[in-house]
Amino acid sequence: LGGMTTGMTLEELTGCYQIFVTGGKYVKPYTYTHVTDTEGNIILKKDTTQVRVVSEETATVLNRLLQTVVTQGTGARANMKNETGITTAGKTGSSTGVKYVNGVQVDIDNPDLWFIGFTPYYIGGVWMGYDIQEEISYYTYPTPILWKNLMLPIHQNLEAVRHLFSVASSLDSMVLGEPQILGQLKNAYRKAVDSHATGVILNRLLHKA
């Protein structure tokens, strides 16, 4: 995750992560499904049809990579499995920017901090920053902590689920039209786990998808 020229809203960014739970399908985030009048007649109905944006296989691998961010990466403070038994995944993010000191432009780190996380039940995103860019200093990466504090209460008493979605029981069970693509995905997954370079591998896979 990172800053862009004109930026993305937190809603847009969080909405993008649904593809890792739905097996590669996307629908624009919405706040209602339908509206009725006083007699119960539906007068407005939202189209919630999903469209495929990446393959199921790519979504599966990315899903598992994002789980490693929470089990052994920068998002470890978001892990809810000990408290709920529910598998959690997600990705931290930050940006670079500038501020002006006495009219002089100064480069700064971390004016924006994100964590977008998901479980089998919910997807949530948090952002930390200032209206006017300022560097954020921290000892422990804060956004996964905030995310967990917000999400843990709404997951209480929900059934413990280990798998974020059931596209494939394992990488080896995937069936792709081109075997070499499967090999690339499997190698990328193993490299990410071995080297903890999850963010780099995620970017490469998304470009290929």
Protein backbone atom coordinates (compact mmCIF):
# COMPACT_ATOMS: atom_id res chain seq x y z
CA LEU A 1 0.00 0.00 0.00
CA GLY A 2 1.21 3.51 -0.61
CA GLY A 3 0.26 7.05 -1.49
CA MET A 4 -0.87 7.98 -4.99
CA THR A 5 -0.92 11.26 -6.88
CA THR A 6 -4.59 11.95 -6.22
CA GLY A 7 -5.08 9.27 -3.59
CA MET A 8 -7.71 6.64 -2.84
CA THR A 9 -10.39 6.80 -0.21
CA LEU A 10 -10.22 4.31 2.63
CA GLU A 11 -13.52 2.89 1.40
CA GLU A 12 -12.10 2.26 -2.08
CA LEU A 13 -8.93 0.68 -0.72
CA THR A 14 -10.81 -1.54 1.72
CA GLY A 15 -13.24 -2.57 -1.00
CA CYS A 16 -10.39 -3.84 -3.15
CA TYR A 17 -9.53 -6.46 -0.53
CA GLN A 18 -12.80 -8.30 -1.00
CA ILE A 19 -11.27 -10.14 -3.97
CA PHE A 20 -9.04 -12.10 -1.60
CA VAL A 21 -12.12 -13.47 0.19
CA THR A 22 -14.46 -13.93 -2.77
CA GLY A 23 -12.02 -15.86 -4.91
CA GLY A 24 -11.17 -12.95 -7.21
CA LYS A 25 -14.59 -11.30 -7.63
CA TYR A 26 -15.34 -7.62 -6.97
CA VAL A 27 -18.36 -5.40 -6.47
CA LYS A 28 -18.17 -1.69 -5.73
CA PRO A 29 -18.76 -1.06 -2.00
CA TYR A 30 -22.31 -0.05 -1.16
CA THR A 31 -24.23 1.06 1.93
CA TYR A 32 -27.66 -0.43 1.16
CA THR A 33 -29.22 -3.37 -0.68
CA HIS A 34 -32.72 -1.97 -1.20
CA VAL A 35 -35.10 0.81 -0.15
CA THR A 36 -38.83 0.35 0.46
CA ASP A 37 -41.73 2.76 0.78
CA THR A 38 -44.19 2.84 3.68
CA GLU A 39 -46.14 -0.05 2.14
CA GLY A 40 -43.10 -2.28 1.81
CA ASN A 41 -42.72 -1.91 -1.95
CA ILE A 42 -39.13 -1.88 -3.18
CA ILE A 43 -38.49 1.47 -4.81
CA LEU A 44 -34.70 1.25 -5.06
CA LYS A 45 -32.52 -1.84 -5.36
CA LYS A 46 -28.76 -1.99 -5.50
CA ASP A 47 -27.05 -4.11 -8.14
CA THR A 48 -24.65 -6.27 -6.09
CA THR A 49 -23.47 -8.44 -8.98
CA GLN A 50 -19.81 -9.41 -8.62
CA VAL A 51 -17.39 -9.34 -11.55
CA ARG A 52 -14.17 -11.32 -11.84
CA VAL A 53 -11.02 -9.20 -11.69
CA VAL A 54 -8.37 -11.86 -10.94
CA SER A 55 -8.40 -15.63 -11.21
CA GLU A 56 -9.41 -17.87 -8.32
CA GLU A 57 -5.91 -19.28 -8.24
CA THR A 58 -4.26 -15.87 -7.92
CA ALA A 59 -6.76 -14.84 -5.24
CA THR A 60 -5.98 -18.02 -3.29
CA VAL A 61 -2.23 -17.43 -3.30
CA LEU A 62 -2.62 -13.76 -2.39
CA ASN A 63 -5.00 -14.74 0.41
CA ARG A 64 -2.36 -17.04 1.89
CA LEU A 65 0.40 -14.49 1.47
CA LEU A 66 -1.70 -11.93 3.34
CA GLN A 67 -2.16 -14.43 6.15
CA THR A 68 1.62 -14.50 6.62
CA VAL A 69 1.61 -10.72 7.16
CA VAL A 70 -0.51 -11.33 10.26
CA THR A 71 1.18 -14.50 11.48
CA GLN A 72 4.80 -13.40 11.09
CA GLY A 73 4.94 -9.93 9.53
CA THR A 74 4.27 -6.26 10.21
CA GLY A 75 0.56 -6.92 10.82
CA ALA A 76 1.08 -9.45 13.64
CA ARG A 77 -0.69 -7.21 16.16
CA ALA A 78 -3.92 -7.66 14.18
CA ASN A 79 -4.02 -11.42 14.64
CA MET A 80 -7.23 -12.47 16.39
CA LYS A 81 -6.75 -16.22 16.21
CA ASN A 82 -5.69 -16.63 19.85
CA GLU A 83 -8.80 -14.83 21.09
CA THR A 84 -11.36 -16.11 18.58
CA GLY A 85 -9.89 -19.04 16.67
CA ILE A 86 -10.71 -17.11 13.48
CA THR A 87 -8.09 -16.79 10.76
CA THR A 88 -7.04 -13.21 10.01
CA ALA A 89 -5.14 -11.71 7.07
CA GLY A 90 -4.23 -8.26 5.84
CA LYS A 91 -1.55 -5.79 4.81
CA THR A 92 0.10 -2.80 6.41
CA GLY A 93 1.02 0.25 4.37
CA SER A 94 2.68 3.64 4.57
CA SER A 95 3.59 6.53 2.32
CA THR A 96 6.17 9.27 1.91
CA GLY A 97 5.37 12.94 1.57
CA VAL A 98 6.52 16.51 2.06
CA LYS A 99 5.94 19.34 4.48
CA TYR A 100 7.04 22.96 4.44
CA VAL A 101 9.24 24.48 7.11
CA ASN A 102 9.72 28.24 6.77
CA GLY A 103 8.79 27.96 3.12
CA VAL A 104 11.26 25.14 2.44
CA GLN A 105 10.02 21.76 1.22
CA VAL A 106 11.15 18.90 3.46
CA ASP A 107 10.71 15.20 2.66
CA ILE A 108 9.02 13.16 5.40
CA ASP A 109 8.31 9.49 6.03
CA ASN A 110 5.04 7.93 7.17
CA PRO A 111 2.52 10.77 6.81
CA ASP A 112 -0.02 8.00 6.16
CA LEU A 113 -0.32 4.62 7.85
CA TRP A 114 -2.80 1.92 6.86
CA PHE A 115 -3.92 -1.54 7.73
CA ILE A 116 -6.53 -3.34 5.64
CA GLY A 117 -7.50 -6.66 7.17
CA PHE A 118 -10.08 -9.35 6.64
CA THR A 119 -11.57 -12.48 8.16
CA PRO A 120 -14.14 -14.95 6.79
CA TYR A 121 -16.79 -12.58 8.19
CA TYR A 122 -15.66 -8.98 7.73
CA ILE A 123 -13.25 -6.72 5.86
CA GLY A 124 -12.07 -3.56 7.59
CA GLY A 125 -9.58 -0.78 6.94
CA VAL A 126 -7.99 1.85 9.16
CA TRP A 127 -5.94 4.92 8.27
CA MET A 128 -3.90 7.20 10.49
CA GLY A 129 -2.63 10.62 9.44
CA TYR A 130 -3.12 14.37 9.63
CA ASP A 131 -5.17 16.77 7.51
CA ILE A 132 -1.88 18.56 6.78
CA GLN A 133 0.89 16.06 6.20
CA GLU A 134 3.16 15.44 9.17
CA GLU A 135 5.50 12.57 9.91
CA ILE A 136 4.09 9.94 12.25
CA SER A 137 6.56 8.47 14.72
CA TYR A 138 5.86 5.20 16.49
CA TYR A 139 7.52 2.42 18.44
CA THR A 140 5.12 -0.36 17.42
CA TYR A 141 3.28 -0.14 14.10
CA PRO A 142 -0.07 1.26 15.29
CA THR A 143 -2.69 0.53 12.62
CA PRO A 144 -2.91 -3.26 13.15
CA ILE A 145 -3.47 -2.59 16.86
CA LEU A 146 -6.28 -0.13 16.10
CA TRP A 147 -7.82 -2.54 13.59
CA LYS A 148 -7.85 -5.38 16.10
CA ASN A 149 -9.39 -3.18 18.80
CA LEU A 150 -12.22 -2.32 16.41
CA MET A 151 -12.76 -5.79 14.95
CA LEU A 152 -12.36 -8.03 17.97
CA PRO A 153 -15.70 -7.10 19.62
CA ILE A 154 -17.74 -7.84 16.49
CA HIS A 155 -16.10 -11.27 16.13
CA GLN A 156 -16.91 -12.40 19.65
CA ASN A 157 -19.17 -15.46 19.74
CA LEU A 158 -18.73 -16.12 16.00
CA GLU A 159 -17.78 -19.63 14.93
CA ALA A 160 -14.05 -20.21 14.71
CA VAL A 161 -13.11 -20.56 11.04
CA ARG A 162 -9.61 -21.52 9.93
CA HIS A 163 -9.98 -20.95 6.19
CA LEU A 164 -10.75 -17.55 4.70
CA PHE A 165 -12.42 -19.11 1.70
CA SER A 166 -12.57 -22.59 0.20
CA VAL A 167 -11.29 -22.22 -3.34
CA ALA A 168 -8.68 -24.94 -2.93
CA SER A 169 -7.59 -27.12 -0.07
CA SER A 170 -3.96 -26.69 -1.10
CA LEU A 171 -1.86 -25.13 -3.81
CA ASP A 172 -1.30 -28.55 -5.30
CA SER A 173 -5.03 -29.08 -5.83
CA MET A 174 -5.38 -26.08 -8.14
CA VAL A 175 -6.16 -26.80 -11.77
CA LEU A 176 -4.89 -24.20 -14.22
CA GLY A 177 -4.90 -24.13 -17.99
CA GLU A 178 -1.16 -23.47 -18.04
CA PRO A 179 0.94 -25.57 -15.62
CA GLN A 180 3.80 -23.06 -15.71
CA ILE A 181 1.57 -20.43 -14.13
CA LEU A 182 0.82 -22.75 -11.23
CA GLY A 183 4.55 -23.24 -10.77
CA GLN A 184 5.13 -19.49 -10.69
CA LEU A 185 2.43 -18.99 -8.08
CA LYS A 186 3.66 -21.82 -5.89
CA ASN A 187 7.27 -20.61 -6.09
CA ALA A 188 6.22 -17.05 -5.28
CA TYR A 189 4.29 -18.24 -2.26
CA ARG A 190 7.21 -20.29 -0.93
CA LYS A 191 9.68 -17.45 -1.51
CA ALA A 192 7.46 -15.00 0.35
CA VAL A 193 7.15 -17.30 3.34
CA ASP A 194 10.86 -18.11 3.37
CA SER A 195 12.12 -14.53 2.96
CA HIS A 196 9.23 -12.61 4.59
CA ALA A 197 9.20 -10.45 1.44
CA THR A 198 5.42 -10.61 1.25
CA GLY A 199 4.88 -7.08 -0.03
CA VAL A 200 7.26 -7.50 -2.98
CA ILE A 201 5.76 -10.82 -4.03
CA LEU A 202 2.22 -9.44 -3.69
CA ASN A 203 3.02 -6.59 -6.06
CA ARG A 204 4.50 -8.96 -8.66
CA LEU A 205 1.54 -11.33 -8.50
CA LEU A 206 -0.98 -8.50 -8.82
CA HIS A 207 0.77 -7.17 -11.91
CA LYS A 208 0.72 -10.65 -13.46
CA ALA A 209 -2.93 -11.20 -12.56
